[in-house]
Amino acid sequence: MRLHGLLSFPLTPFTADDKVDLAVFADHLEQQIAAAPAALFVACGTGEFTALALDEYRDLVATAVRVADGRLPVVSGCGGGPRMAREFALAAAECGADGLLLLPPYLVTSTPGGLVEHVRYVAAATELPLVVYQRANAVLDEAAALALLDLPTVTGIKDGRGDVDAMLRLVTAVRTSGHPRAAEFGFLNGLPTAELSVQAYRAIGVECYSSAVLCFAPDLATAFHRAVERDDREAIQLLLAEFYLPLVALRDRVPGYAVALVKAGARLAGLDLGRVRPPLVDASPEHVRELAAILARGRAALATVVE
């Protein structure tokens, strides 16, 4: 499961009475697929994995598999403690997912070697390809990255730390290891609003990245990606200055806005995915108005980009 291009991390919609809204989810997925991402990563961080019950998770993964209908891979999140992660991984396999994204273990801090054993434990539950999400308490070093190559279903590392120097060390260790799987092993930029770091990550050989903006402004997300692909520095800088940097400044004002602000953006785009579940908090009306103004600035800048 070596992925190339832009990655979609769909939101999970909730009804007013706090049920998962599968009809709205299907509409959301169709909008995402229309933007031609490389894969759908459902029920992951942006999809509020930690707020989902197992039956809700099953419904979401099964719906994504049905809607995608083989047009692109469906990768589903799993995480928490080792037994919980295995339980969700098995559910994903039963629902027809094409792969797994293993989120950091719940609260527990260990060594890089301990993390490899956690990955081994979860990966053994299914034959699904598995990507390891490096973030927070899940930190790999070079030896751990090389150990992952010996786990046949582990296909890559998604980085959410933002330490480019450390990520360079992992990429270099794997690519120069001489291991039979070294060339096919994938590295993904999974930072929140990864567009800010895409140029730095591409410079170290990490070209694939996730885009939360794709969930609510696919026109801006795909235009930025095209600019990156053609190395259009002027367009990249313009969209960063007029849209992405103001968006991140707004996002950083409130913890949890990496999800809540995206849901607000989807509502502005005409698709109401409901509230976020606690402990996340919804975007305030004032901040939603600011988001609308930032979107307008971004689209005004986009109108001047020549492709």
C-alpha atoms as a PDB file:
ATOM      1  CA  MET A   1       0.000   0.000   0.000  1.00  0.00           C
ATOM      2  CA  ARG A   2       2.505   2.609  -1.179  1.00  0.00           C
ATOM      3  CA  LEU A   3       0.498   5.821  -1.572  1.00  0.00           C
ATOM      4  CA  HIS A   4       1.259   8.801  -3.769  1.00  0.00           C
ATOM      5  CA  GLY A   5      -0.493  12.173  -3.723  1.00  0.00           C
ATOM      6  CA  LEU A   6      -3.030  13.881  -1.514  1.00  0.00           C
ATOM      7  CA  LEU A   7      -4.726  11.942   1.300  1.00  0.00           C
ATOM      8  CA  SER A   8      -8.290  12.470   2.516  1.00  0.00           C
ATOM      9  CA  PHE A   9      -9.191  12.191   6.208  1.00  0.00           C
ATOM     10  CA  PRO A  10     -13.000  12.434   6.240  1.00  0.00           C
ATOM     11  CA  LEU A  11     -14.937  13.795   9.185  1.00  0.00           C
ATOM     12  CA  THR A  12     -17.488  11.787  11.169  1.00  0.00           C
ATOM     13  CA  PRO A  13     -20.939  13.433  11.119  1.00  0.00           C
ATOM     14  CA  PHE A  14     -23.200  13.317  14.161  1.00  0.00           C
ATOM     15  CA  THR A  15     -26.927  13.993  14.352  1.00  0.00           C
ATOM     16  CA  ALA A  16     -28.534  16.381  16.837  1.00  0.00           C
ATOM     17  CA  ASP A  17     -29.280  13.402  19.102  1.00  0.00           C
ATOM     18  CA  ASP A  18     -25.634  12.244  18.951  1.00  0.00           C
ATOM     19  CA  LYS A  19     -25.899   9.374  16.470  1.00  0.00           C
ATOM     20  CA  VAL A  20     -23.514   8.795  13.568  1.00  0.00           C
ATOM     21  CA  ASP A  21     -25.199  10.138  10.429  1.00  0.00           C
ATOM     22  CA  LEU A  22     -24.310   7.601   7.758  1.00  0.00           C
ATOM     23  CA  ALA A  23     -26.296   9.332   5.000  1.00  0.00           C
ATOM     24  CA  VAL A  24     -24.374  12.576   5.461  1.00  0.00           C
ATOM     25  CA  PHE A  25     -21.167  10.566   5.774  1.00  0.00           C
ATOM     26  CA  ALA A  26     -21.821   8.974   2.374  1.00  0.00           C
ATOM     27  CA  ASP A  27     -22.381  12.414   0.827  1.00  0.00           C
ATOM     28  CA  HIS A  28     -19.176  13.670   2.446  1.00  0.00           C
ATOM     29  CA  LEU A  29     -17.248  10.706   1.065  1.00  0.00           C
ATOM     30  CA  GLU A  30     -18.553  11.277  -2.453  1.00  0.00           C
ATOM     31  CA  GLN A  31     -17.378  14.893  -2.266  1.00  0.00           C
ATOM     32  CA  GLN A  32     -13.972  13.710  -1.103  1.00  0.00           C
ATOM     33  CA  ILE A  33     -13.691  11.092  -3.832  1.00  0.00           C
ATOM     34  CA  ALA A  34     -14.589  13.709  -6.437  1.00  0.00           C
ATOM     35  CA  ALA A  35     -11.408  15.573  -5.435  1.00  0.00           C
ATOM     36  CA  ALA A  36      -9.381  12.480  -6.463  1.00  0.00           C
ATOM     37  CA  PRO A  37      -7.305  11.794  -3.326  1.00  0.00           C
ATOM     38  CA  ALA A  38      -4.974   8.805  -3.220  1.00  0.00           C
ATOM     39  CA  ALA A  39      -6.910   7.177  -0.357  1.00  0.00           C
ATOM     40  CA  LEU A  40      -9.647   7.709   2.232  1.00  0.00           C
ATOM     41  CA  PHE A  41      -8.472   7.485   5.852  1.00  0.00           C
ATOM     42  CA  VAL A  42     -11.739   7.053   7.761  1.00  0.00           C
ATOM     43  CA  ALA A  43     -12.316   7.075  11.528  1.00  0.00           C
ATOM     44  CA  CYS A  44      -8.849   8.476  12.196  1.00  0.00           C
ATOM     45  CA  GLY A  45      -7.918  11.625  14.115  1.00  0.00           C
ATOM     46  CA  THR A  46      -9.981  14.036  12.004  1.00  0.00           C
ATOM     47  CA  GLY A  47     -12.764  11.444  12.071  1.00  0.00           C
ATOM     48  CA  GLU A  48     -12.790  11.490  15.900  1.00  0.00           C
ATOM     49  CA  PHE A  49     -11.714   7.857  16.324  1.00  0.00           C
ATOM     50  CA  THR A  50     -11.350   8.203  20.096  1.00  0.00           C
ATOM     51  CA  ALA A  51     -15.010   9.287  20.398  1.00  0.00           C
ATOM     52  CA  LEU A  52     -16.426   6.263  18.548  1.00  0.00           C
ATOM     53  CA  ALA A  53     -17.997   3.082  19.871  1.00  0.00           C
ATOM     54  CA  LEU A  54     -17.062  -0.136  18.083  1.00  0.00           C
ATOM     55  CA  ASP A  55     -20.475  -0.494  16.419  1.00  0.00           C
ATOM     56  CA  GLU A  56     -20.269   3.088  15.127  1.00  0.00           C
ATOM     57  CA  TYR A  57     -16.776   2.392  13.811  1.00  0.00           C
ATOM     58  CA  ARG A  58     -18.014  -0.707  11.974  1.00  0.00           C
ATOM     59  CA  ASP A  59     -20.814   1.289  10.357  1.00  0.00           C
ATOM     60  CA  LEU A  60     -18.410   4.018   9.223  1.00  0.00           C
ATOM     61  CA  VAL A  61     -15.856   1.625   7.726  1.00  0.00           C
ATOM     62  CA  ALA A  62     -18.523  -0.480   6.003  1.00  0.00           C
ATOM     63  CA  THR A  63     -20.121   2.667   4.563  1.00  0.00           C
ATOM     64  CA  ALA A  64     -16.779   3.943   3.294  1.00  0.00           C
ATOM     65  CA  VAL A  65     -16.015   0.603   1.634  1.00  0.00           C
ATOM     66  CA  ARG A  66     -19.448   0.589  -0.012  1.00  0.00           C
ATOM     67  CA  VAL A  67     -19.218   4.181  -1.239  1.00  0.00           C
ATOM     68  CA  ALA A  68     -15.630   3.884  -2.440  1.00  0.00           C
ATOM     69  CA  ASP A  69     -16.577   0.719  -4.339  1.00  0.00           C
ATOM     70  CA  GLY A  70     -12.990  -0.001  -5.290  1.00  0.00           C
ATOM     71  CA  ARG A  71     -12.318   3.460  -6.725  1.00  0.00           C
ATOM     72  CA  LEU A  72      -9.603   4.118  -4.129  1.00  0.00           C
ATOM     73  CA  PRO A  73      -8.285   2.432  -0.973  1.00  0.00           C
ATOM     74  CA  VAL A  74     -10.114   2.782   2.334  1.00  0.00           C
ATOM     75  CA  VAL A  75      -7.756   2.929   5.316  1.00  0.00           C
ATOM     76  CA  SER A  76      -9.288   2.931   8.775  1.00  0.00           C
ATOM     77  CA  GLY A  77      -7.894   4.085  12.087  1.00  0.00           C
ATOM     78  CA  CYS A  78      -7.264   1.818  15.046  1.00  0.00           C
ATOM     79  CA  GLY A  79      -5.652   2.618  18.359  1.00  0.00           C
ATOM     80  CA  GLY A  80      -5.825   2.812  22.112  1.00  0.00           C
ATOM     81  CA  GLY A  81      -4.398  -0.017  24.181  1.00  0.00           C
ATOM     82  CA  PRO A  82      -3.103  -3.122  22.400  1.00  0.00           C
ATOM     83  CA  ARG A  83      -6.241  -5.246  22.879  1.00  0.00           C
ATOM     84  CA  MET A  84      -8.521  -2.376  21.859  1.00  0.00           C
ATOM     85  CA  ALA A  85      -6.401  -1.631  18.798  1.00  0.00           C
ATOM     86  CA  ARG A  86      -6.559  -5.300  17.747  1.00  0.00           C
ATOM     87  CA  GLU A  87     -10.327  -5.369  18.225  1.00  0.00           C
ATOM     88  CA  PHE A  88     -10.797  -2.355  15.964  1.00  0.00           C
ATOM     89  CA  ALA A  89      -8.294  -3.733  13.438  1.00  0.00           C
ATOM     90  CA  LEU A  90     -10.263  -6.977  13.229  1.00  0.00           C
ATOM     91  CA  ALA A  91     -13.489  -5.030  12.767  1.00  0.00           C
ATOM     92  CA  ALA A  92     -11.921  -3.024   9.942  1.00  0.00           C
ATOM     93  CA  ALA A  93     -10.830  -6.231   8.204  1.00  0.00           C
ATOM     94  CA  GLU A  94     -14.299  -7.747   8.577  1.00  0.00           C
ATOM     95  CA  CYS A  95     -15.849  -4.604   7.063  1.00  0.00           C
ATOM     96  CA  GLY A  96     -13.600  -4.770   3.994  1.00  0.00           C
ATOM     97  CA  ALA A  97     -11.060  -2.016   4.691  1.00  0.00           C
ATOM     98  CA  ASP A  98      -7.930  -2.006   2.550  1.00  0.00           C
ATOM     99  CA  GLY A  99      -5.540  -0.933   5.290  1.00  0.00           C
ATOM    100  CA  LEU A 100      -5.035   0.383   8.819  1.00  0.00           C
ATOM    101  CA  LEU A 101      -3.552   3.488  10.394  1.00  0.00           C
ATOM    102  CA  LEU A 102      -2.290   2.604  13.870  1.00  0.00           C
ATOM    103  CA  LEU A 103      -2.732   5.609  16.162  1.00  0.00           C
ATOM    104  CA  PRO A 104      -0.499   6.128  19.227  1.00  0.00           C
ATOM    105  CA  PRO A 105      -1.211   3.867  22.229  1.00  0.00           C
ATOM    106  CA  TYR A 106      -3.424   5.403  24.892  1.00  0.00           C
ATOM    107  CA  LEU A 107      -1.402   7.557  27.362  1.00  0.00           C
ATOM    108  CA  VAL A 108       1.392   4.987  27.736  1.00  0.00           C
ATOM    109  CA  THR A 109       4.930   6.244  27.130  1.00  0.00           C
ATOM    110  CA  SER A 110       7.520   3.625  26.267  1.00  0.00           C
ATOM    111  CA  THR A 111      10.736   3.169  24.332  1.00  0.00           C
ATOM    112  CA  PRO A 112      10.987   2.991  20.527  1.00  0.00           C
ATOM    113  CA  GLY A 113      11.556  -0.747  20.924  1.00  0.00           C
ATOM    114  CA  GLY A 114       8.418  -1.026  23.053  1.00  0.00           C
ATOM    115  CA  LEU A 115       6.481   0.787  20.357  1.00  0.00           C
ATOM    116  CA  VAL A 116       7.698  -1.740  17.776  1.00  0.00           C
ATOM    117  CA  GLU A 117       6.357  -4.531  19.973  1.00  0.00           C
ATOM    118  CA  HIS A 118       3.009  -2.719  20.198  1.00  0.00           C
ATOM    119  CA  VAL A 119       2.924  -2.477  16.402  1.00  0.00           C
ATOM    120  CA  ARG A 120       3.838  -6.163  16.120  1.00  0.00           C
ATOM    121  CA  TYR A 121       1.024  -7.106  18.515  1.00  0.00           C
ATOM    122  CA  VAL A 122      -1.636  -5.174  16.590  1.00  0.00           C
ATOM    123  CA  ALA A 123      -0.360  -6.066  13.121  1.00  0.00           C
ATOM    124  CA  ALA A 124      -0.572  -9.771  13.948  1.00  0.00           C
ATOM    125  CA  ALA A 125      -4.363  -9.520  14.251  1.00  0.00           C
ATOM    126  CA  THR A 126      -5.004  -9.158  10.494  1.00  0.00           C
ATOM    127  CA  GLU A 127      -3.370  -9.370   7.086  1.00  0.00           C
ATOM    128  CA  LEU A 128      -4.207  -5.749   6.339  1.00  0.00           C
ATOM    129  CA  PRO A 129      -1.383  -3.359   5.399  1.00  0.00           C
ATOM    130  CA  LEU A 130      -0.670  -1.105   8.366  1.00  0.00           C
ATOM    131  CA  VAL A 131       0.811   2.394   8.591  1.00  0.00           C
ATOM    132  CA  VAL A 132       2.273   3.491  11.929  1.00  0.00           C
ATOM    133  CA  TYR A 133       1.327   6.998  13.076  1.00  0.00           C
ATOM    134  CA  GLN A 134       4.301   8.624  14.803  1.00  0.00           C
ATOM    135  CA  ARG A 135       3.008  11.365  17.088  1.00  0.00           C
ATOM    136  CA  ALA A 136       2.835  12.402  20.750  1.00  0.00           C
ATOM    137  CA  ASN A 137       3.912   9.376  22.833  1.00  0.00           C
ATOM    138  CA  ALA A 138       4.627   7.199  19.765  1.00  0.00           C
ATOM    139  CA  VAL A 139       8.176   8.119  18.739  1.00  0.00           C
ATOM    140  CA  LEU A 140      10.438   5.945  16.612  1.00  0.00           C
ATOM    141  CA  ASP A 141      14.194   6.049  16.192  1.00  0.00           C
ATOM    142  CA  GLU A 142      16.296   4.642  13.352  1.00  0.00           C
ATOM    143  CA  ALA A 143      16.588   1.180  14.889  1.00  0.00           C
ATOM    144  CA  ALA A 144      12.838   1.003  15.420  1.00  0.00           C
ATOM    145  CA  ALA A 145      12.124   2.119  11.858  1.00  0.00           C
ATOM    146  CA  LEU A 146      14.417  -0.619  10.572  1.00  0.00           C
ATOM    147  CA  ALA A 147      12.692  -3.175  12.810  1.00  0.00           C
ATOM    148  CA  LEU A 148       9.365  -2.280  11.213  1.00  0.00           C
ATOM    149  CA  LEU A 149      10.741  -3.472   7.875  1.00  0.00           C
ATOM    150  CA  ASP A 150      10.743  -7.010   9.288  1.00  0.00           C
ATOM    151  CA  LEU A 151       7.006  -6.859   9.962  1.00  0.00           C
ATOM    152  CA  PRO A 152       5.592  -7.866   6.555  1.00  0.00           C
ATOM    153  CA  THR A 153       2.244  -6.058   6.801  1.00  0.00           C
ATOM    154  CA  VAL A 154       3.708  -2.773   8.068  1.00  0.00           C
ATOM    155  CA  THR A 155       3.971  -0.588   4.975  1.00  0.00           C
ATOM    156  CA  GLY A 156       4.919   2.861   6.228  1.00  0.00           C
ATOM    157  CA  ILE A 157       5.190   5.628   8.792  1.00  0.00           C
ATOM    158  CA  LYS A 158       2.960   8.671   9.007  1.00  0.00           C
ATOM    159  CA  ASP A 159       4.658  11.533  10.823  1.00  0.00           C
ATOM    160  CA  GLY A 160       2.721  13.935  12.997  1.00  0.00           C
ATOM    161  CA  ARG A 161       5.631  15.260  15.080  1.00  0.00           C
ATOM    162  CA  GLY A 162       7.083  17.840  12.715  1.00  0.00           C
ATOM    163  CA  ASP A 163      10.712  17.164  13.580  1.00  0.00           C
ATOM    164  CA  VAL A 164      12.189  17.254  10.065  1.00  0.00           C
ATOM    165  CA  ASP A 165      15.691  16.389  11.260  1.00  0.00           C
ATOM    166  CA  ALA A 166      14.451  13.276  13.066  1.00  0.00           C
ATOM    167  CA  MET A 167      12.277  12.278  10.112  1.00  0.00           C
ATOM    168  CA  LEU A 168      15.241  12.652   7.748  1.00  0.00           C
ATOM    169  CA  ARG A 169      17.127  10.175   9.919  1.00  0.00           C
ATOM    170  CA  LEU A 170      14.305   7.624   9.677  1.00  0.00           C
ATOM    171  CA  VAL A 171      13.931   8.023   5.905  1.00  0.00           C
ATOM    172  CA  THR A 172      17.672   7.762   5.336  1.00  0.00           C
ATOM    173  CA  ALA A 173      18.032   4.735   7.617  1.00  0.00           C
ATOM    174  CA  VAL A 174      15.288   2.866   5.774  1.00  0.00           C
ATOM    175  CA  ARG A 175      16.223   3.876   2.239  1.00  0.00           C
ATOM    176  CA  THR A 176      19.924   2.992   2.688  1.00  0.00           C
ATOM    177  CA  SER A 177      19.345  -0.181   4.722  1.00  0.00           C
ATOM    178  CA  GLY A 178      19.563  -2.615   1.820  1.00  0.00           C
ATOM    179  CA  HIS A 179      16.435  -4.316   3.181  1.00  0.00           C
ATOM    180  CA  PRO A 180      14.320  -5.952   0.431  1.00  0.00           C
ATOM    181  CA  ARG A 181      11.329  -3.802   1.454  1.00  0.00           C
ATOM    182  CA  ALA A 182      13.224  -0.515   1.799  1.00  0.00           C
ATOM    183  CA  ALA A 183      12.240   0.948  -1.568  1.00  0.00           C
ATOM    184  CA  GLU A 184       8.528   0.208  -1.193  1.00  0.00           C
ATOM    185  CA  PHE A 185       8.208   1.397   2.430  1.00  0.00           C
ATOM    186  CA  GLY A 186       6.139   4.596   2.538  1.00  0.00           C
ATOM    187  CA  PHE A 187       6.512   7.839   4.461  1.00  0.00           C
ATOM    188  CA  LEU A 188       3.580  10.222   4.887  1.00  0.00           C
ATOM    189  CA  ASN A 189       3.441  13.816   6.130  1.00  0.00           C
ATOM    190  CA  GLY A 190       0.573  13.780   8.592  1.00  0.00           C
ATOM    191  CA  LEU A 191       1.020  17.087  10.376  1.00  0.00           C
ATOM    192  CA  PRO A 192      -2.094  19.162  11.042  1.00  0.00           C
ATOM    193  CA  THR A 193      -2.426  21.454   8.004  1.00  0.00           C
ATOM    194  CA  ALA A 194       0.453  19.627   6.355  1.00  0.00           C
ATOM    195  CA  GLU A 195       0.535  22.181   3.556  1.00  0.00           C
ATOM    196  CA  LEU A 196       2.749  24.379   5.756  1.00  0.00           C
ATOM    197  CA  SER A 197       5.452  21.721   5.933  1.00  0.00           C
ATOM    198  CA  VAL A 198       5.054  20.051   2.541  1.00  0.00           C
ATOM    199  CA  GLN A 199       8.075  21.733   0.957  1.00  0.00           C
ATOM    200  CA  ALA A 200      10.387  20.789   3.825  1.00  0.00           C
ATOM    201  CA  TYR A 201       9.139  17.200   3.830  1.00  0.00           C
ATOM    202  CA  ARG A 202       9.430  16.816   0.070  1.00  0.00           C
ATOM    203  CA  ALA A 203      13.060  17.881   0.374  1.00  0.00           C
ATOM    204  CA  ILE A 204      13.760  14.799   2.529  1.00  0.00           C
ATOM    205  CA  GLY A 205      11.800  12.428   0.301  1.00  0.00           C
ATOM    206  CA  VAL A 206       8.336  12.544   1.947  1.00  0.00           C
ATOM    207  CA  GLU A 207       6.002  13.642  -0.841  1.00  0.00           C
ATOM    208  CA  CYS A 208       2.620  12.222   0.206  1.00  0.00           C
ATOM    209  CA  TYR A 209       0.614  14.297   2.694  1.00  0.00           C
ATOM    210  CA  SER A 210      -2.762  14.535   4.394  1.00  0.00           C
ATOM    211  CA  SER A 211      -5.013  17.545   3.955  1.00  0.00           C
ATOM    212  CA  ALA A 212      -7.759  18.489   6.398  1.00  0.00           C
ATOM    213  CA  VAL A 213      -8.595  21.388   4.066  1.00  0.00           C
ATOM    214  CA  LEU A 214      -9.728  18.812   1.519  1.00  0.00           C
ATOM    215  CA  CYS A 215     -12.701  18.138   3.841  1.00  0.00           C
ATOM    216  CA  PHE A 216     -14.164  21.614   3.443  1.00  0.00           C
ATOM    217  CA  ALA A 217     -12.344  23.444   0.631  1.00  0.00           C
ATOM    218  CA  PRO A 218     -11.276  20.842  -1.941  1.00  0.00           C
ATOM    219  CA  ASP A 219     -10.776  23.544  -4.570  1.00  0.00           C
ATOM    220  CA  LEU A 220      -8.049  25.174  -2.458  1.00  0.00           C
ATOM    221  CA  ALA A 221      -6.505  21.885  -1.312  1.00  0.00           C
ATOM    222  CA  THR A 222      -6.222  20.406  -4.798  1.00  0.00           C
ATOM    223  CA  ALA A 223      -4.996  23.672  -6.333  1.00  0.00           C
ATOM    224  CA  PHE A 224      -2.263  23.882  -3.704  1.00  0.00           C
ATOM    225  CA  HIS A 225      -1.291  20.273  -4.369  1.00  0.00           C
ATOM    226  CA  ARG A 226      -1.067  20.939  -8.108  1.00  0.00           C
ATOM    227  CA  ALA A 227       1.151  23.942  -7.408  1.00  0.00           C
ATOM    228  CA  VAL A 228       3.412  21.747  -5.277  1.00  0.00           C
ATOM    229  CA  GLU A 229       3.558  19.081  -7.985  1.00  0.00           C
ATOM    230  CA  ARG A 230       4.623  21.583 -10.647  1.00  0.00           C
ATOM    231  CA  ASP A 231       6.926  23.396  -8.193  1.00  0.00           C
ATOM    232  CA  ASP A 232       5.113  26.695  -8.718  1.00  0.00           C
ATOM    233  CA  ARG A 233       6.780  28.646  -5.900  1.00  0.00           C
ATOM    234  CA  GLU A 234       4.810  31.816  -6.581  1.00  0.00           C
ATOM    235  CA  ALA A 235       1.434  30.066  -6.316  1.00  0.00           C
ATOM    236  CA  ILE A 236       2.541  28.138  -3.224  1.00  0.00           C
ATOM    237  CA  GLN A 237       3.660  31.289  -1.418  1.00  0.00           C
ATOM    238  CA  LEU A 238       0.503  33.163  -2.393  1.00  0.00           C
ATOM    239  CA  LEU A 239      -1.828  30.453  -1.102  1.00  0.00           C
ATOM    240  CA  LEU A 240       0.226  30.058   2.059  1.00  0.00           C
ATOM    241  CA  ALA A 241       0.148  33.792   2.779  1.00  0.00           C
ATOM    242  CA  GLU A 242      -3.496  34.403   1.918  1.00  0.00           C
ATOM    243  CA  PHE A 243      -5.117  31.203   3.154  1.00  0.00           C
ATOM    244  CA  TYR A 244      -3.083  28.538   4.950  1.00  0.00           C
ATOM    245  CA  LEU A 245      -1.133  30.703   7.399  1.00  0.00           C
ATOM    246  CA  PRO A 246      -4.235  32.674   8.510  1.00  0.00           C
ATOM    247  CA  LEU A 247      -6.120  29.370   8.808  1.00  0.00           C
ATOM    248  CA  VAL A 248      -3.440  27.876  11.054  1.00  0.00           C
ATOM    249  CA  ALA A 249      -3.296  31.033  13.183  1.00  0.00           C
ATOM    250  CA  LEU A 250      -7.052  30.677  13.769  1.00  0.00           C
ATOM    251  CA  ARG A 251      -6.794  26.921  14.356  1.00  0.00           C
ATOM    252  CA  ASP A 252      -4.096  27.369  16.990  1.00  0.00           C
ATOM    253  CA  ARG A 253      -6.218  29.662  19.158  1.00  0.00           C
ATOM    254  CA  VAL A 254      -8.251  26.787  20.631  1.00  0.00           C
ATOM    255  CA  PRO A 255      -7.112  23.219  21.369  1.00  0.00           C
ATOM    256  CA  GLY A 256      -9.118  20.780  19.263  1.00  0.00           C
ATOM    257  CA  TYR A 257      -9.822  23.219  16.453  1.00  0.00           C
ATOM    258  CA  ALA A 258      -7.888  20.906  14.121  1.00  0.00           C
ATOM    259  CA  VAL A 259     -11.188  18.990  13.999  1.00  0.00           C
ATOM    260  CA  ALA A 260     -13.831  21.506  15.101  1.00  0.00           C
ATOM    261  CA  LEU A 261     -12.768  24.190  12.631  1.00  0.00           C
ATOM    262  CA  VAL A 262     -12.803  21.651   9.812  1.00  0.00           C
ATOM    263  CA  LYS A 263     -16.375  20.701  10.705  1.00  0.00           C
ATOM    264  CA  ALA A 264     -17.288  24.383  10.726  1.00  0.00           C
ATOM    265  CA  GLY A 265     -15.722  24.740   7.292  1.00  0.00           C
ATOM    266  CA  ALA A 266     -17.753  21.818   5.958  1.00  0.00           C
ATOM    267  CA  ARG A 267     -20.901  23.512   7.271  1.00  0.00           C
ATOM    268  CA  LEU A 268     -19.930  26.713   5.467  1.00  0.00           C
ATOM    269  CA  ALA A 269     -19.515  24.621   2.309  1.00  0.00           C
ATOM    270  CA  GLY A 270     -23.094  23.389   2.608  1.00  0.00           C
ATOM    271  CA  LEU A 271     -22.744  20.046   4.375  1.00  0.00           C
ATOM    272  CA  ASP A 272     -23.700  19.990   8.055  1.00  0.00           C
ATOM    273  CA  LEU A 273     -21.738  17.260   9.812  1.00  0.00           C
ATOM    274  CA  GLY A 274     -23.008  18.249  13.241  1.00  0.00           C
ATOM    275  CA  ARG A 275     -21.091  18.935  16.403  1.00  0.00           C
ATOM    276  CA  VAL A 276     -17.837  17.504  17.639  1.00  0.00           C
ATOM    277  CA  ARG A 277     -18.003  15.097  20.546  1.00  0.00           C
ATOM    278  CA  PRO A 278     -16.458  16.016  23.904  1.00  0.00           C
ATOM    279  CA  PRO A 279     -13.893  16.808  25.068  1.00  0.00           C
ATOM    280  CA  LEU A 280     -13.563  18.754  21.791  1.00  0.00           C
ATOM    281  CA  VAL A 281     -15.446  22.048  21.603  1.00  0.00           C
ATOM    282  CA  ASP A 282     -17.208  23.490  18.587  1.00  0.00           C
ATOM    283  CA  ALA A 283     -15.916  26.581  16.837  1.00  0.00           C
ATOM    284  CA  SER A 284     -17.423  29.788  18.196  1.00  0.00           C
ATOM    285  CA  PRO A 285     -19.652  31.918  15.930  1.00  0.00           C
ATOM    286  CA  GLU A 286     -16.963  34.617  15.877  1.00  0.00           C
ATOM    287  CA  HIS A 287     -14.333  32.138  14.749  1.00  0.00           C
ATOM    288  CA  VAL A 288     -16.650  30.691  12.107  1.00  0.00           C
ATOM    289  CA  ARG A 289     -17.056  34.199  10.685  1.00  0.00           C
ATOM    290  CA  GLU A 290     -13.272  34.560  10.637  1.00  0.00           C
ATOM    291  CA  LEU A 291     -13.002  31.226   8.870  1.00  0.00           C
ATOM    292  CA  ALA A 292     -15.454  32.389   6.216  1.00  0.00           C
ATOM    293  CA  ALA A 293     -13.343  35.498   5.642  1.00  0.00           C
ATOM    294  CA  ILE A 294     -10.161  33.415   5.377  1.00  0.00           C
ATOM    295  CA  LEU A 295     -11.831  31.154   2.819  1.00  0.00           C
ATOM    296  CA  ALA A 296     -12.856  34.209   0.805  1.00  0.00           C
ATOM    297  CA  ARG A 297      -9.265  35.490   0.891  1.00  0.00           C
ATOM    298  CA  GLY A 298      -7.977  32.122  -0.210  1.00  0.00           C
ATOM    299  CA  ARG A 299     -10.360  31.901  -3.148  1.00  0.00           C
ATOM    300  CA  ALA A 300      -9.575  35.446  -4.199  1.00  0.00           C
ATOM    301  CA  ALA A 301      -5.892  34.490  -4.259  1.00  0.00           C
ATOM    302  CA  LEU A 302      -6.671  31.261  -6.097  1.00  0.00           C
ATOM    303  CA  ALA A 303      -8.450  33.231  -8.835  1.00  0.00           C
ATOM    304  CA  THR A 304      -5.136  34.892  -9.704  1.00  0.00           C
ATOM    305  CA  VAL A 305      -3.168  31.629  -9.993  1.00  0.00           C
ATOM    306  CA  VAL A 306      -2.357  30.626 -13.545  1.00  0.00           C
ATOM    307  CA  GLU A 307      -2.043  26.862 -14.081  1.00  0.00           C
END
